[in-house]
Each structure stands twice: as structure tokens, then as C-alpha cells.
Amino acid sequence: MPWMRQVGTLLLGDAKMTKYLLVKFDSNYADEFDVSGFTIMSQAAWEKHKVDAAKRFDSGCELEAYFGTNESLSWSHYDDYIKSFDVKELSDDELKTLKKFFGMQGTGMVVMLDAESDEE
């Protein structure tokens, strides 16, 4: 019988163990205040996000994320955007603790480019 293990999602058979990451976001709005938060995502999802973001920036797109009434964060280059993130692989115990308190969504503001968006 194949082994099973619960780590965020149920993995069956000989599937590789899913690695989960703590993806922390930290930026600053016009030297007035910090904007930060975190989310939990699989390593595969993070790697896909980086590739998709690089493609968007390479095609000449900029990213502007609005919040509040008239505040926004903006990036023109991939390197500047990706520097807003600090990524750490989570152990099973760390993942369990974060899920207990925050669920898989995390908390705060995390700006992530929507690779599926058609807006340019």
C-alpha cells in the first residue's frame, strides 16, 4: 500500500513531498510607511510565480498595486520586484504552527503579480 502523509495537501503514492515556503513581502510607500505581509505557498508555485513575473517584466509591463484611497506600490523591473520578497523553506512543524494561527493565506499585504491577468 502506498504511503500517505498530510502536509497542507494529501500526497499519495511515490509523489515527492511538497515543500512549502514562507514568502514574506516587505516594501515601502514613498518613505512614509512600510507595507508587509506573508503567505504560505508551495515551492513549485513560487518558482512558477518568479518565471511568470520575469516574463511579464521582460515584455515591458510594469506592476502597480493600489491600496488605501490613493496609495500604490510600483515596480518597473523584475529585480526590484523580486527584492520585495524574502523566502524561507518551512519545516513540517513550522508549517503546522503557521497553519494553526493563520491558515494557508498568511496575513498583511502581499503584492504578487497576477500572471493570468490580460491587463497591460
PDB file of N, CA and C in Angstrom:
ATOM      1  N   MET A   1       0.844  -1.183   0.000  1.00  0.00           N
ATOM      2  CA  MET A   1       0.000   0.000   0.000  1.00  0.00           C
ATOM      3  C   MET A   1       0.882   1.236   0.000  1.00  0.00           C
ATOM      4  N   PRO A   2       0.567   2.226  -0.852  1.00  0.00           N
ATOM      5  CA  PRO A   2       1.394   3.436  -0.896  1.00  0.00           C
ATOM      6  C   PRO A   2       1.328   4.210   0.413  1.00  0.00           C
ATOM      7  N   TRP A   3       2.410   4.910   0.743  1.00  0.00           N
ATOM      8  CA  TRP A   3       2.431   5.705   1.961  1.00  0.00           C
ATOM      9  C   TRP A   3       1.653   6.995   1.743  1.00  0.00           C
ATOM     10  N   MET A   4       1.181   7.576   2.823  1.00  0.00           N
ATOM     11  CA  MET A   4       0.449   8.840   2.774  1.00  0.00           C
ATOM     12  C   MET A   4       1.000   9.770   3.841  1.00  0.00           C
ATOM     13  N   ARG A   5       0.909  11.030   3.576  1.00  0.00           N
ATOM     14  CA  ARG A   5       1.355  11.998   4.560  1.00  0.00           C
ATOM     15  C   ARG A   5       0.569  13.289   4.364  1.00  0.00           C
ATOM     16  N   GLN A   6       0.188  13.919   5.441  1.00  0.00           N
ATOM     17  CA  GLN A   6      -0.567  15.161   5.377  1.00  0.00           C
ATOM     18  C   GLN A   6       0.381  16.325   5.632  1.00  0.00           C
ATOM     19  N   VAL A   7       0.578  17.173   4.614  1.00  0.00           N
ATOM     20  CA  VAL A   7       1.351  18.401   4.763  1.00  0.00           C
ATOM     21  C   VAL A   7       0.672  19.429   3.874  1.00  0.00           C
ATOM     22  N   GLY A   8      -0.367  20.043   4.364  1.00  0.00           N
ATOM     23  CA  GLY A   8      -1.080  21.033   3.576  1.00  0.00           C
ATOM     24  C   GLY A   8      -2.010  20.396   2.555  1.00  0.00           C
ATOM     25  N   THR A   9      -1.503  19.433   1.806  1.00  0.00           N
ATOM     26  CA  THR A   9      -2.318  18.676   0.865  1.00  0.00           C
ATOM     27  C   THR A   9      -1.999  17.205   1.068  1.00  0.00           C
ATOM     28  N   LEU A  10      -2.895  16.344   0.663  1.00  0.00           N
ATOM     29  CA  LEU A  10      -2.671  14.911   0.808  1.00  0.00           C
ATOM     30  C   LEU A  10      -1.819  14.424  -0.356  1.00  0.00           C
ATOM     31  N   LEU A  11      -0.742  13.767  -0.048  1.00  0.00           N
ATOM     32  CA  LEU A  11       0.142  13.229  -1.077  1.00  0.00           C
ATOM     33  C   LEU A  11       0.028  11.721  -1.059  1.00  0.00           C
ATOM     34  N   LEU A  12      -0.140  11.131  -2.222  1.00  0.00           N
ATOM     35  CA  LEU A  12      -0.309   9.689  -2.311  1.00  0.00           C
ATOM     36  C   LEU A  12       0.798   9.070  -3.147  1.00  0.00           C
ATOM     37  N   GLY A  13       1.047   7.792  -2.928  1.00  0.00           N
ATOM     38  CA  GLY A  13       1.982   7.046  -3.750  1.00  0.00           C
ATOM     39  C   GLY A  13       3.407   7.512  -3.575  1.00  0.00           C
ATOM     40  N   ASP A  14       4.144   7.513  -4.680  1.00  0.00           N
ATOM     41  CA  ASP A  14       5.554   7.867  -4.642  1.00  0.00           C
ATOM     42  C   ASP A  14       5.790   9.323  -4.993  1.00  0.00           C
ATOM     43  N   ALA A  15       4.765  10.147  -4.867  1.00  0.00           N
ATOM     44  CA  ALA A  15       4.912  11.567  -5.179  1.00  0.00           C
ATOM     45  C   ALA A  15       5.956  12.196  -4.266  1.00  0.00           C
ATOM     46  N   LYS A  16       6.694  13.149  -4.805  1.00  0.00           N
ATOM     47  CA  LYS A  16       7.673  13.864  -3.993  1.00  0.00           C
ATOM     48  C   LYS A  16       6.938  14.648  -2.917  1.00  0.00           C
ATOM     49  N   MET A  17       7.563  14.806  -1.793  1.00  0.00           N
ATOM     50  CA  MET A  17       6.981  15.613  -0.722  1.00  0.00           C
ATOM     51  C   MET A  17       6.934  17.064  -1.179  1.00  0.00           C
ATOM     52  N   THR A  18       5.808  17.693  -0.991  1.00  0.00           N
ATOM     53  CA  THR A  18       5.671  19.093  -1.343  1.00  0.00           C
ATOM     54  C   THR A  18       6.435  19.932  -0.332  1.00  0.00           C
ATOM     55  N   LYS A  19       7.281  20.810  -0.824  1.00  0.00           N
ATOM     56  CA  LYS A  19       7.995  21.741   0.050  1.00  0.00           C
ATOM     57  C   LYS A  19       7.182  23.023   0.104  1.00  0.00           C
ATOM     58  N   TYR A  20       6.928  23.495   1.318  1.00  0.00           N
ATOM     59  CA  TYR A  20       6.197  24.740   1.492  1.00  0.00           C
ATOM     60  C   TYR A  20       7.150  25.832   1.931  1.00  0.00           C
ATOM     61  N   LEU A  21       6.845  27.032   1.475  1.00  0.00           N
ATOM     62  CA  LEU A  21       7.687  28.189   1.736  1.00  0.00           C
ATOM     63  C   LEU A  21       6.902  29.277   2.463  1.00  0.00           C
ATOM     64  N   LEU A  22       7.589  29.977   3.330  1.00  0.00           N
ATOM     65  CA  LEU A  22       7.073  31.205   3.907  1.00  0.00           C
ATOM     66  C   LEU A  22       7.575  32.321   2.997  1.00  0.00           C
ATOM     67  N   VAL A  23       6.664  32.999   2.327  1.00  0.00           N
ATOM     68  CA  VAL A  23       7.025  34.069   1.401  1.00  0.00           C
ATOM     69  C   VAL A  23       6.630  35.390   2.062  1.00  0.00           C
ATOM     70  N   LYS A  24       7.649  36.110   2.536  1.00  0.00           N
ATOM     71  CA  LYS A  24       7.411  37.383   3.214  1.00  0.00           C
ATOM     72  C   LYS A  24       7.569  38.522   2.210  1.00  0.00           C
ATOM     73  N   PHE A  25       6.660  39.461   2.280  1.00  0.00           N
ATOM     74  CA  PHE A  25       6.677  40.629   1.408  1.00  0.00           C
ATOM     75  C   PHE A  25       6.980  41.850   2.259  1.00  0.00           C
ATOM     76  N   ASP A  26       7.879  42.704   1.775  1.00  0.00           N
ATOM     77  CA  ASP A  26       8.220  43.923   2.506  1.00  0.00           C
ATOM     78  C   ASP A  26       8.579  45.005   1.499  1.00  0.00           C
ATOM     79  N   SER A  27       7.857  46.105   1.555  1.00  0.00           N
ATOM     80  CA  SER A  27       8.121  47.238   0.685  1.00  0.00           C
ATOM     81  C   SER A  27       7.839  48.508   1.473  1.00  0.00           C
ATOM     82  N   ASN A  28       7.973  49.640   0.820  1.00  0.00           N
ATOM     83  CA  ASN A  28       7.763  50.908   1.491  1.00  0.00           C
ATOM     84  C   ASN A  28       7.027  51.852   0.563  1.00  0.00           C
ATOM     85  N   TYR A  29       6.051  52.550   1.118  1.00  0.00           N
ATOM     86  CA  TYR A  29       5.295  53.516   0.349  1.00  0.00           C
ATOM     87  C   TYR A  29       5.907  54.907   0.540  1.00  0.00           C
ATOM     88  N   ALA A  30       6.537  55.419  -0.493  1.00  0.00           N
ATOM     89  CA  ALA A  30       7.035  56.795  -0.552  1.00  0.00           C
ATOM     90  C   ALA A  30       7.788  57.236   0.701  1.00  0.00           C
ATOM     91  N   ASP A  31       8.567  56.344   1.277  1.00  0.00           N
ATOM     92  CA  ASP A  31       9.306  56.636   2.508  1.00  0.00           C
ATOM     93  C   ASP A  31       8.411  57.112   3.648  1.00  0.00           C
ATOM     94  N   GLU A  32       7.110  56.760   3.581  1.00  0.00           N
ATOM     95  CA  GLU A  32       6.173  57.165   4.632  1.00  0.00           C
ATOM     96  C   GLU A  32       5.832  56.023   5.577  1.00  0.00           C
ATOM     97  N   PHE A  33       5.625  54.818   5.032  1.00  0.00           N
ATOM     98  CA  PHE A  33       5.314  53.679   5.883  1.00  0.00           C
ATOM     99  C   PHE A  33       5.643  52.376   5.161  1.00  0.00           C
ATOM    100  N   ASP A  34       5.854  51.350   5.975  1.00  0.00           N
ATOM    101  CA  ASP A  34       6.163  50.028   5.438  1.00  0.00           C
ATOM    102  C   ASP A  34       4.880  49.288   5.089  1.00  0.00           C
ATOM    103  N   VAL A  35       4.973  48.470   4.073  1.00  0.00           N
ATOM    104  CA  VAL A  35       3.876  47.602   3.651  1.00  0.00           C
ATOM    105  C   VAL A  35       4.440  46.188   3.687  1.00  0.00           C
ATOM    106  N   SER A  36       3.818  45.327   4.508  1.00  0.00           N
ATOM    107  CA  SER A  36       4.382  43.986   4.635  1.00  0.00           C
ATOM    108  C   SER A  36       3.302  42.952   4.918  1.00  0.00           C
ATOM    109  N   GLY A  37       3.677  41.716   4.729  1.00  0.00           N
ATOM    110  CA  GLY A  37       2.796  40.595   4.994  1.00  0.00           C
ATOM    111  C   GLY A  37       3.495  39.309   4.614  1.00  0.00           C
ATOM    112  N   PHE A  38       2.772  38.210   4.734  1.00  0.00           N
ATOM    113  CA  PHE A  38       3.353  36.941   4.314  1.00  0.00           C
ATOM    114  C   PHE A  38       2.260  36.022   3.818  1.00  0.00           C
ATOM    115  N   THR A  39       2.682  35.054   3.043  1.00  0.00           N
ATOM    116  CA  THR A  39       1.804  33.993   2.589  1.00  0.00           C
ATOM    117  C   THR A  39       2.588  32.689   2.611  1.00  0.00           C
ATOM    118  N   ILE A  40       1.863  31.594   2.562  1.00  0.00           N
ATOM    119  CA  ILE A  40       2.473  30.275   2.504  1.00  0.00           C
ATOM    120  C   ILE A  40       2.155  29.704   1.132  1.00  0.00           C
ATOM    121  N   MET A  41       3.168  29.215   0.444  1.00  0.00           N
ATOM    122  CA  MET A  41       2.936  28.619  -0.872  1.00  0.00           C
ATOM    123  C   MET A  41       3.925  27.501  -1.118  1.00  0.00           C
ATOM    124  N   SER A  42       3.574  26.641  -2.049  1.00  0.00           N
ATOM    125  CA  SER A  42       4.486  25.542  -2.382  1.00  0.00           C
ATOM    126  C   SER A  42       5.694  26.100  -3.129  1.00  0.00           C
ATOM    127  N   GLN A  43       6.773  25.364  -3.072  1.00  0.00           N
ATOM    128  CA  GLN A  43       7.973  25.784  -3.789  1.00  0.00           C
ATOM    129  C   GLN A  43       7.699  25.839  -5.286  1.00  0.00           C
ATOM    130  N   ALA A  44       6.918  24.890  -5.792  1.00  0.00           N
ATOM    131  CA  ALA A  44       6.589  24.875  -7.221  1.00  0.00           C
ATOM    132  C   ALA A  44       5.797  26.124  -7.611  1.00  0.00           C
ATOM    133  N   ALA A  45       4.857  26.541  -6.773  1.00  0.00           N
ATOM    134  CA  ALA A  45       4.069  27.743  -7.064  1.00  0.00           C
ATOM    135  C   ALA A  45       4.958  28.986  -7.036  1.00  0.00           C
ATOM    136  N   TRP A  46       5.905  29.060  -6.097  1.00  0.00           N
ATOM    137  CA  TRP A  46       6.822  30.200  -6.020  1.00  0.00           C
ATOM    138  C   TRP A  46       7.709  30.259  -7.268  1.00  0.00           C
ATOM    139  N   GLU A  47       8.249  29.117  -7.669  1.00  0.00           N
ATOM    140  CA  GLU A  47       9.104  29.090  -8.855  1.00  0.00           C
ATOM    141  C   GLU A  47       8.320  29.514 -10.096  1.00  0.00           C
ATOM    142  N   LYS A  48       7.081  29.051 -10.220  1.00  0.00           N
ATOM    143  CA  LYS A  48       6.239  29.445 -11.346  1.00  0.00           C
ATOM    144  C   LYS A  48       5.965  30.944 -11.295  1.00  0.00           C
ATOM    145  N   HIS A  49       5.708  31.463 -10.101  1.00  0.00           N
ATOM    146  CA  HIS A  49       5.469  32.894  -9.953  1.00  0.00           C
ATOM    147  C   HIS A  49       6.669  33.706 -10.441  1.00  0.00           C
ATOM    148  N   LYS A  50       7.870  33.284 -10.075  1.00  0.00           N
ATOM    149  CA  LYS A  50       9.071  34.013 -10.497  1.00  0.00           C
ATOM    150  C   LYS A  50       9.220  34.002 -12.016  1.00  0.00           C
ATOM    151  N   VAL A  51       8.998  32.845 -12.627  1.00  0.00           N
ATOM    152  CA  VAL A  51       9.105  32.743 -14.090  1.00  0.00           C
ATOM    153  C   VAL A  51       8.058  33.615 -14.764  1.00  0.00           C
ATOM    154  N   ASP A  52       6.811  33.535 -14.293  1.00  0.00           N
ATOM    155  CA  ASP A  52       5.727  34.337 -14.878  1.00  0.00           C
ATOM    156  C   ASP A  52       5.986  35.835 -14.704  1.00  0.00           C
ATOM    157  N   ALA A  53       6.482  36.223 -13.528  1.00  0.00           N
ATOM    158  CA  ALA A  53       6.776  37.633 -13.282  1.00  0.00           C
ATOM    159  C   ALA A  53       7.892  38.117 -14.206  1.00  0.00           C
ATOM    160  N   ALA A  54       8.929  37.322 -14.359  1.00  0.00           N
ATOM    161  CA  ALA A  54      10.039  37.708 -15.245  1.00  0.00           C
ATOM    162  C   ALA A  54       9.544  37.893 -16.675  1.00  0.00           C
ATOM    163  N   LYS A  55       8.669  37.001 -17.136  1.00  0.00           N
ATOM    164  CA  LYS A  55       8.114  37.129 -18.488  1.00  0.00           C
ATOM    165  C   LYS A  55       7.328  38.429 -18.635  1.00  0.00           C
ATOM    166  N   ARG A  56       6.529  38.761 -17.631  1.00  0.00           N
ATOM    167  CA  ARG A  56       5.734  39.993 -17.702  1.00  0.00           C
ATOM    168  C   ARG A  56       6.634  41.227 -17.764  1.00  0.00           C
ATOM    169  N   PHE A  57       7.645  41.269 -16.894  1.00  0.00           N
ATOM    170  CA  PHE A  57       8.545  42.421 -16.902  1.00  0.00           C
ATOM    171  C   PHE A  57       9.355  42.470 -18.191  1.00  0.00           C
ATOM    172  N   ASP A  58       9.783  41.311 -18.700  1.00  0.00           N
ATOM    173  CA  ASP A  58      10.539  41.262 -19.953  1.00  0.00           C
ATOM    174  C   ASP A  58       9.722  41.764 -21.135  1.00  0.00           C
ATOM    175  N   SER A  59       8.403  41.619 -21.039  1.00  0.00           N
ATOM    176  CA  SER A  59       7.550  42.091 -22.136  1.00  0.00           C
ATOM    177  C   SER A  59       7.247  43.588 -22.028  1.00  0.00           C
ATOM    178  N   GLY A  60       7.842  44.246 -21.039  1.00  0.00           N
ATOM    179  CA  GLY A  60       7.685  45.692 -20.915  1.00  0.00           C
ATOM    180  C   GLY A  60       6.608  46.137 -19.949  1.00  0.00           C
ATOM    181  N   CYS A  61       5.950  45.191 -19.295  1.00  0.00           N
ATOM    182  CA  CYS A  61       4.900  45.546 -18.340  1.00  0.00           C
ATOM    183  C   CYS A  61       5.517  46.081 -17.050  1.00  0.00           C
ATOM    184  N   GLU A  62       4.797  46.979 -16.421  1.00  0.00           N
ATOM    185  CA  GLU A  62       5.144  47.437 -15.084  1.00  0.00           C
ATOM    186  C   GLU A  62       4.077  46.910 -14.139  1.00  0.00           C
ATOM    187  N   LEU A  63       4.375  46.865 -12.871  1.00  0.00           N
ATOM    188  CA  LEU A  63       3.409  46.431 -11.876  1.00  0.00           C
ATOM    189  C   LEU A  63       3.113  47.599 -10.955  1.00  0.00           C
ATOM    190  N   GLU A  64       1.842  47.892 -10.802  1.00  0.00           N
ATOM    191  CA  GLU A  64       1.409  48.930  -9.879  1.00  0.00           C
ATOM    192  C   GLU A  64       0.274  48.355  -9.053  1.00  0.00           C
ATOM    193  N   ALA A  65       0.418  48.337  -7.744  1.00  0.00           N
ATOM    194  CA  ALA A  65      -0.579  47.774  -6.841  1.00  0.00           C
ATOM    195  C   ALA A  65      -1.137  48.892  -5.976  1.00  0.00           C
ATOM    196  N   TYR A  66      -2.411  49.137  -6.111  1.00  0.00           N
ATOM    197  CA  TYR A  66      -3.069  50.203  -5.354  1.00  0.00           C
ATOM    198  C   TYR A  66      -3.663  49.653  -4.068  1.00  0.00           C
ATOM    199  N   PHE A  67      -3.667  50.479  -3.035  1.00  0.00           N
ATOM    200  CA  PHE A  67      -4.310  50.144  -1.772  1.00  0.00           C
ATOM    201  C   PHE A  67      -4.666  51.466  -1.102  1.00  0.00           C
ATOM    202  N   GLY A  68      -5.529  51.411  -0.132  1.00  0.00           N
ATOM    203  CA  GLY A  68      -5.979  52.645   0.502  1.00  0.00           C
ATOM    204  C   GLY A  68      -6.761  53.482  -0.494  1.00  0.00           C
ATOM    205  N   THR A  69      -6.733  54.796  -0.323  1.00  0.00           N
ATOM    206  CA  THR A  69      -7.501  55.667  -1.217  1.00  0.00           C
ATOM    207  C   THR A  69      -6.715  56.095  -2.442  1.00  0.00           C
ATOM    208  N   ASN A  70      -5.429  56.356  -2.283  1.00  0.00           N
ATOM    209  CA  ASN A  70      -4.636  56.773  -3.439  1.00  0.00           C
ATOM    210  C   ASN A  70      -3.172  56.327  -3.347  1.00  0.00           C
ATOM    211  N   GLU A  71      -2.902  55.340  -2.515  1.00  0.00           N
ATOM    212  CA  GLU A  71      -1.539  54.849  -2.375  1.00  0.00           C
ATOM    213  C   GLU A  71      -1.309  53.697  -3.345  1.00  0.00           C
ATOM    214  N   SER A  72      -0.072  53.584  -3.792  1.00  0.00           N
ATOM    215  CA  SER A  72       0.277  52.447  -4.642  1.00  0.00           C
ATOM    216  C   SER A  72       1.766  52.149  -4.535  1.00  0.00           C
ATOM    217  N   LEU A  73       2.086  50.915  -4.808  1.00  0.00           N
ATOM    218  CA  LEU A  73       3.469  50.484  -4.939  1.00  0.00           C
ATOM    219  C   LEU A  73       3.676  50.164  -6.406  1.00  0.00           C
ATOM    220  N   SER A  74       4.853  50.470  -6.929  1.00  0.00           N
ATOM    221  CA  SER A  74       5.076  50.187  -8.344  1.00  0.00           C
ATOM    222  C   SER A  74       6.504  49.700  -8.574  1.00  0.00           C
ATOM    223  N   TRP A  75       6.615  48.858  -9.599  1.00  0.00           N
ATOM    224  CA  TRP A  75       7.898  48.304 -10.000  1.00  0.00           C
ATOM    225  C   TRP A  75       7.987  48.344 -11.514  1.00  0.00           C
ATOM    226  N   SER A  76       9.156  48.698 -12.017  1.00  0.00           N
ATOM    227  CA  SER A  76       9.406  48.717 -13.460  1.00  0.00           C
ATOM    228  C   SER A  76      10.293  47.569 -13.898  1.00  0.00           C
ATOM    229  N   HIS A  77      11.009  46.975 -12.945  1.00  0.00           N
ATOM    230  CA  HIS A  77      11.980  45.932 -13.265  1.00  0.00           C
ATOM    231  C   HIS A  77      11.807  44.724 -12.350  1.00  0.00           C
ATOM    232  N   TYR A  78      12.027  43.576 -12.914  1.00  0.00           N
ATOM    233  CA  TYR A  78      11.904  42.318 -12.183  1.00  0.00           C
ATOM    234  C   TYR A  78      12.784  42.300 -10.942  1.00  0.00           C
ATOM    235  N   ASP A  79      14.042  42.715 -11.062  1.00  0.00           N
ATOM    236  CA  ASP A  79      14.966  42.655  -9.927  1.00  0.00           C
ATOM    237  C   ASP A  79      14.453  43.459  -8.741  1.00  0.00           C
ATOM    238  N   ASP A  80      13.901  44.639  -9.004  1.00  0.00           N
ATOM    239  CA  ASP A  80      13.353  45.451  -7.920  1.00  0.00           C
ATOM    240  C   ASP A  80      12.145  44.769  -7.283  1.00  0.00           C
ATOM    241  N   TYR A  81      11.291  44.186  -8.119  1.00  0.00           N
ATOM    242  CA  TYR A  81      10.093  43.498  -7.633  1.00  0.00           C
ATOM    243  C   TYR A  81      10.468  42.306  -6.760  1.00  0.00           C
ATOM    244  N   ILE A  82      11.366  41.471  -7.239  1.00  0.00           N
ATOM    245  CA  ILE A  82      11.684  40.232  -6.541  1.00  0.00           C
ATOM    246  C   ILE A  82      12.429  40.505  -5.229  1.00  0.00           C
ATOM    247  N   LYS A  83      13.102  41.650  -5.131  1.00  0.00           N
ATOM    248  CA  LYS A  83      13.779  42.029  -3.883  1.00  0.00           C
ATOM    249  C   LYS A  83      12.787  42.329  -2.767  1.00  0.00           C
ATOM    250  N   SER A  84      11.517  42.484  -3.102  1.00  0.00           N
ATOM    251  CA  SER A  84      10.487  42.748  -2.096  1.00  0.00           C
ATOM    252  C   SER A  84      10.112  41.495  -1.311  1.00  0.00           C
ATOM    253  N   PHE A  85      10.639  40.353  -1.735  1.00  0.00           N
ATOM    254  CA  PHE A  85      10.278  39.083  -1.117  1.00  0.00           C
ATOM    255  C   PHE A  85      11.471  38.454  -0.410  1.00  0.00           C
ATOM    256  N   ASP A  86      11.188  37.841   0.728  1.00  0.00           N
ATOM    257  CA  ASP A  86      12.162  37.027   1.453  1.00  0.00           C
ATOM    258  C   ASP A  86      11.512  35.658   1.617  1.00  0.00           C
ATOM    259  N   VAL A  87      12.189  34.619   1.162  1.00  0.00           N
ATOM    260  CA  VAL A  87      11.586  33.295   1.096  1.00  0.00           C
ATOM    261  C   VAL A  87      12.370  32.323   1.972  1.00  0.00           C
ATOM    262  N   LYS A  88      11.623  31.541   2.765  1.00  0.00           N
ATOM    263  CA  LYS A  88      12.245  30.568   3.656  1.00  0.00           C
ATOM    264  C   LYS A  88      11.482  29.259   3.548  1.00  0.00           C
ATOM    265  N   GLU A  89      12.208  28.154   3.390  1.00  0.00           N
ATOM    266  CA  GLU A  89      11.567  26.834   3.390  1.00  0.00           C
ATOM    267  C   GLU A  89      11.087  26.516   4.801  1.00  0.00           C
ATOM    268  N   LEU A  90       9.880  25.952   4.891  1.00  0.00           N
ATOM    269  CA  LEU A  90       9.282  25.640   6.186  1.00  0.00           C
ATOM    270  C   LEU A  90       9.457  24.165   6.537  1.00  0.00           C
ATOM    271  N   SER A  91       9.779  23.907   7.781  1.00  0.00           N
ATOM    272  CA  SER A  91       9.770  22.528   8.274  1.00  0.00           C
ATOM    273  C   SER A  91       8.306  22.127   8.490  1.00  0.00           C
ATOM    274  N   ASP A  92       8.069  20.843   8.679  1.00  0.00           N
ATOM    275  CA  ASP A  92       6.701  20.370   8.941  1.00  0.00           C
ATOM    276  C   ASP A  92       6.113  21.051  10.181  1.00  0.00           C
ATOM    277  N   ASP A  93       6.916  21.187  11.237  1.00  0.00           N
ATOM    278  CA  ASP A  93       6.429  21.818  12.469  1.00  0.00           C
ATOM    279  C   ASP A  93       6.124  23.305  12.259  1.00  0.00           C
ATOM    280  N   GLU A  94       6.985  23.996  11.524  1.00  0.00           N
ATOM    281  CA  GLU A  94       6.732  25.414  11.257  1.00  0.00           C
ATOM    282  C   GLU A  94       5.459  25.600  10.440  1.00  0.00           C
ATOM    283  N   LEU A  95       5.275  24.748   9.431  1.00  0.00           N
ATOM    284  CA  LEU A  95       4.078  24.815   8.604  1.00  0.00           C
ATOM    285  C   LEU A  95       2.832  24.576   9.444  1.00  0.00           C
ATOM    286  N   LYS A  96       2.887  23.570  10.295  1.00  0.00           N
ATOM    287  CA  LYS A  96       1.745  23.239  11.147  1.00  0.00           C
ATOM    288  C   LYS A  96       1.387  24.419  12.060  1.00  0.00           C
ATOM    289  N   THR A  97       2.393  25.051  12.641  1.00  0.00           N
ATOM    290  CA  THR A  97       2.157  26.187  13.542  1.00  0.00           C
ATOM    291  C   THR A  97       1.563  27.376  12.792  1.00  0.00           C
ATOM    292  N   LEU A  98       2.128  27.714  11.640  1.00  0.00           N
ATOM    293  CA  LEU A  98       1.593  28.839  10.864  1.00  0.00           C
ATOM    294  C   LEU A  98       0.161  28.567  10.422  1.00  0.00           C
ATOM    295  N   LYS A  99      -0.113  27.354   9.954  1.00  0.00           N
ATOM    296  CA  LYS A  99      -1.470  26.998   9.531  1.00  0.00           C
ATOM    297  C   LYS A  99      -2.450  27.105  10.698  1.00  0.00           C
ATOM    298  N   LYS A 100      -2.002  26.713  11.882  1.00  0.00           N
ATOM    299  CA  LYS A 100      -2.862  26.761  13.070  1.00  0.00           C
ATOM    300  C   LYS A 100      -3.311  28.192  13.352  1.00  0.00           C
ATOM    301  N   PHE A 101      -2.399  29.142  13.234  1.00  0.00           N
ATOM    302  CA  PHE A 101      -2.713  30.520  13.592  1.00  0.00           C
ATOM    303  C   PHE A 101      -3.217  31.373  12.434  1.00  0.00           C
ATOM    304  N   PHE A 102      -2.777  31.083  11.214  1.00  0.00           N
ATOM    305  CA  PHE A 102      -3.097  31.959  10.091  1.00  0.00           C
ATOM    306  C   PHE A 102      -3.785  31.269   8.922  1.00  0.00           C
ATOM    307  N   GLY A 103      -3.861  29.955   8.908  1.00  0.00           N
ATOM    308  CA  GLY A 103      -4.361  29.249   7.737  1.00  0.00           C
ATOM    309  C   GLY A 103      -3.306  29.315   6.644  1.00  0.00           C
ATOM    310  N   MET A 104      -3.656  28.941   5.446  1.00  0.00           N
ATOM    311  CA  MET A 104      -2.685  28.952   4.348  1.00  0.00           C
ATOM    312  C   MET A 104      -2.621  30.314   3.665  1.00  0.00           C
ATOM    313  N   GLN A 105      -3.440  31.277   4.083  1.00  0.00           N
ATOM    314  CA  GLN A 105      -3.466  32.568   3.417  1.00  0.00           C
ATOM    315  C   GLN A 105      -2.396  33.532   3.909  1.00  0.00           C
ATOM    316  N   GLY A 106      -1.929  33.377   5.129  1.00  0.00           N
ATOM    317  CA  GLY A 106      -0.981  34.331   5.668  1.00  0.00           C
ATOM    318  C   GLY A 106      -1.721  35.556   6.179  1.00  0.00           C
ATOM    319  N   THR A 107      -1.028  36.684   6.258  1.00  0.00           N
ATOM    320  CA  THR A 107      -1.638  37.898   6.781  1.00  0.00           C
ATOM    321  C   THR A 107      -0.897  39.114   6.257  1.00  0.00           C
ATOM    322  N   GLY A 108      -1.490  40.271   6.394  1.00  0.00           N
ATOM    323  CA  GLY A 108      -0.879  41.508   5.921  1.00  0.00           C
ATOM    324  C   GLY A 108      -1.111  41.677   4.440  1.00  0.00           C
ATOM    325  N   MET A 109      -0.345  42.531   3.825  1.00  0.00           N
ATOM    326  CA  MET A 109      -0.466  42.784   2.391  1.00  0.00           C
ATOM    327  C   MET A 109       0.695  42.129   1.668  1.00  0.00           C
ATOM    328  N   VAL A 110       0.377  41.278   0.724  1.00  0.00           N
ATOM    329  CA  VAL A 110       1.384  40.631  -0.107  1.00  0.00           C
ATOM    330  C   VAL A 110       1.018  40.944  -1.552  1.00  0.00           C
ATOM    331  N   VAL A 111       1.864  41.709  -2.232  1.00  0.00           N
ATOM    332  CA  VAL A 111       1.611  42.067  -3.625  1.00  0.00           C
ATOM    333  C   VAL A 111       2.293  41.029  -4.505  1.00  0.00           C
ATOM    334  N   MET A 112       1.481  40.312  -5.258  1.00  0.00           N
ATOM    335  CA  MET A 112       2.038  39.329  -6.180  1.00  0.00           C
ATOM    336  C   MET A 112       1.419  39.568  -7.548  1.00  0.00           C
ATOM    337  N   LEU A 113       2.259  39.651  -8.535  1.00  0.00           N
ATOM    338  CA  LEU A 113       1.819  39.843  -9.908  1.00  0.00           C
ATOM    339  C   LEU A 113       0.889  38.719 -10.315  1.00  0.00           C
ATOM    340  N   ASP A 114      -0.231  39.061 -10.935  1.00  0.00           N
ATOM    341  CA  ASP A 114      -1.183  38.073 -11.408  1.00  0.00           C
ATOM    342  C   ASP A 114      -0.794  37.703 -12.826  1.00  0.00           C
ATOM    343  N   ALA A 115      -0.166  36.549 -12.978  1.00  0.00           N
ATOM    344  CA  ALA A 115       0.326  36.127 -14.288  1.00  0.00           C
ATOM    345  C   ALA A 115      -0.806  35.833 -15.261  1.00  0.00           C
ATOM    346  N   GLU A 116      -2.004  35.595 -14.741  1.00  0.00           N
ATOM    347  CA  GLU A 116      -3.141  35.268 -15.595  1.00  0.00           C
ATOM    348  C   GLU A 116      -3.817  36.520 -16.143  1.00  0.00           C
ATOM    349  N   SER A 117      -3.499  37.672 -15.602  1.00  0.00           N
ATOM    350  CA  SER A 117      -4.170  38.907 -15.993  1.00  0.00           C
ATOM    351  C   SER A 117      -3.807  39.305 -17.419  1.00  0.00           C
ATOM    352  N   ASP A 118      -4.791  39.784 -18.159  1.00  0.00           N
ATOM    353  CA  ASP A 118      -4.555  40.258 -19.519  1.00  0.00           C
ATOM    354  C   ASP A 118      -4.304  41.748 -19.551  1.00  0.00           C
ATOM    355  N   GLU A 119      -4.433  42.412 -18.398  1.00  0.00           N
ATOM    356  CA  GLU A 119      -4.234  43.852 -18.373  1.00  0.00           C
ATOM    357  C   GLU A 119      -2.759  44.168 -18.551  1.00  0.00           C
ATOM    358  N   GLU A 120      -2.478  45.159 -19.329  1.00  0.00           N
ATOM    359  CA  GLU A 120      -1.089  45.547 -19.579  1.00  0.00           C
ATOM    360  C   GLU A 120      -0.903  46.981 -19.168  1.00  0.00           C
TER     361      GLU A 120
END
